[in-house]
Amino acid sequence: MQITVSWSAAVDLGGSASKTYAVSYATSPSFSDEITISVSDTSTVLSGLNPGSTYSIRVKVVTPDYADGSPWSNLLQALVIGKPG
């Protein structure tokens, strides 16, 4: 199963114009099972998700000048609906 996630482009943080986005998702509210991916676009597809599971998803921008990135976005929660593959 999969979820498509999209967000608005980050505002100019100053410094380098080069930026990527860290997208983190987990089924645990504490993010103990967190998976983080790096993408250059303002959308991505999270795949391999478990039907019936609720995922918490967050995004932050990372630039060469801000290696730790911006603060995380507000959480988005999504329930994956469908039959197991």
Protein backbone atom coordinates (compact mmCIF):
# COMPACT_ATOMS: atom_id res chain seq x y z
CA MET A 1 0.00 0.00 0.00
CA GLN A 2 1.12 3.57 -0.51
CA ILE A 3 0.38 7.18 0.39
CA THR A 4 1.22 10.23 -1.71
CA VAL A 5 2.34 13.19 0.41
CA SER A 6 2.78 16.75 -0.87
CA TRP A 7 3.58 20.10 0.73
CA SER A 8 4.29 23.72 -0.14
CA ALA A 9 7.83 24.67 -1.08
CA ALA A 10 9.95 26.07 1.73
CA VAL A 11 10.42 29.81 1.98
CA ASP A 12 13.90 31.20 1.35
CA LEU A 13 16.05 30.36 4.37
CA GLY A 14 18.94 32.52 3.17
CA GLY A 15 22.27 31.12 2.12
CA SER A 16 22.32 28.33 -0.44
CA ALA A 17 19.40 27.95 -2.83
CA SER A 18 19.99 24.18 -2.85
CA LYS A 19 17.55 22.35 -0.62
CA THR A 20 16.14 18.92 0.00
CA TYR A 21 13.29 17.76 2.17
CA ALA A 22 13.48 15.12 4.88
CA VAL A 23 10.22 13.16 5.08
CA SER A 24 9.80 11.05 8.18
CA TYR A 25 7.01 8.57 8.85
CA ALA A 26 6.19 6.04 11.56
CA THR A 27 3.36 4.04 13.05
CA SER A 28 4.56 4.72 16.60
CA PRO A 29 3.51 8.08 18.09
CA SER A 30 7.03 8.35 19.58
CA PHE A 31 8.55 7.74 16.11
CA SER A 32 10.54 4.79 17.53
CA ASP A 33 10.01 2.96 14.21
CA GLU A 34 10.75 6.05 12.14
CA ILE A 35 11.80 5.87 8.50
CA THR A 36 13.27 9.05 7.01
CA ILE A 37 13.83 9.64 3.31
CA SER A 38 15.38 12.57 1.47
CA VAL A 39 13.61 14.04 -1.57
CA SER A 40 14.23 17.08 -3.75
CA ASP A 41 10.63 17.60 -4.87
CA THR A 42 7.60 18.81 -2.89
CA SER A 43 5.86 15.46 -3.05
CA THR A 44 6.72 11.81 -2.62
CA VAL A 45 5.09 8.41 -2.50
CA LEU A 46 5.53 6.39 0.69
CA SER A 47 5.19 2.74 -0.27
CA GLY A 48 5.29 -0.62 1.45
CA LEU A 49 2.80 0.58 4.07
CA ASN A 50 0.63 -1.79 6.10
CA PRO A 51 -3.15 -1.74 5.56
CA GLY A 52 -5.05 -0.83 8.73
CA SER A 53 -2.08 1.06 10.17
CA THR A 54 -2.09 4.77 10.97
CA TYR A 55 1.07 6.60 9.99
CA SER A 56 2.35 9.88 11.41
CA ILE A 57 4.17 11.90 8.74
CA ARG A 58 6.31 15.03 9.04
CA VAL A 59 8.56 17.07 6.74
CA LYS A 60 11.46 19.49 7.16
CA VAL A 61 13.73 21.35 4.78
CA VAL A 62 17.50 20.78 4.78
CA THR A 63 20.06 23.00 3.05
CA PRO A 64 23.88 22.96 2.98
CA ASP A 65 23.81 25.97 5.34
CA TYR A 66 21.35 24.31 7.73
CA ALA A 67 22.46 20.67 7.85
CA ASP A 68 20.13 19.91 10.79
CA GLY A 69 17.28 21.45 8.81
CA SER A 70 14.29 23.47 9.79
CA PRO A 71 11.99 22.41 12.61
CA TRP A 72 9.69 19.53 11.68
CA SER A 73 6.31 20.41 10.22
CA ASN A 74 3.08 19.72 12.04
CA LEU A 75 2.18 16.04 12.01
CA LEU A 76 -0.11 14.59 9.39
CA GLN A 77 -1.81 11.34 10.30
CA ALA A 78 -3.03 8.96 7.61
CA LEU A 79 -4.85 5.64 7.90
CA VAL A 80 -3.93 3.16 5.19
CA ILE A 81 -7.08 1.51 3.87
CA GLY A 82 -7.04 -1.58 1.68
CA LYS A 83 -6.58 -5.32 1.59
CA PRO A 84 -3.15 -6.80 2.26
CA GLY A 85 -1.33 -7.47 -0.99
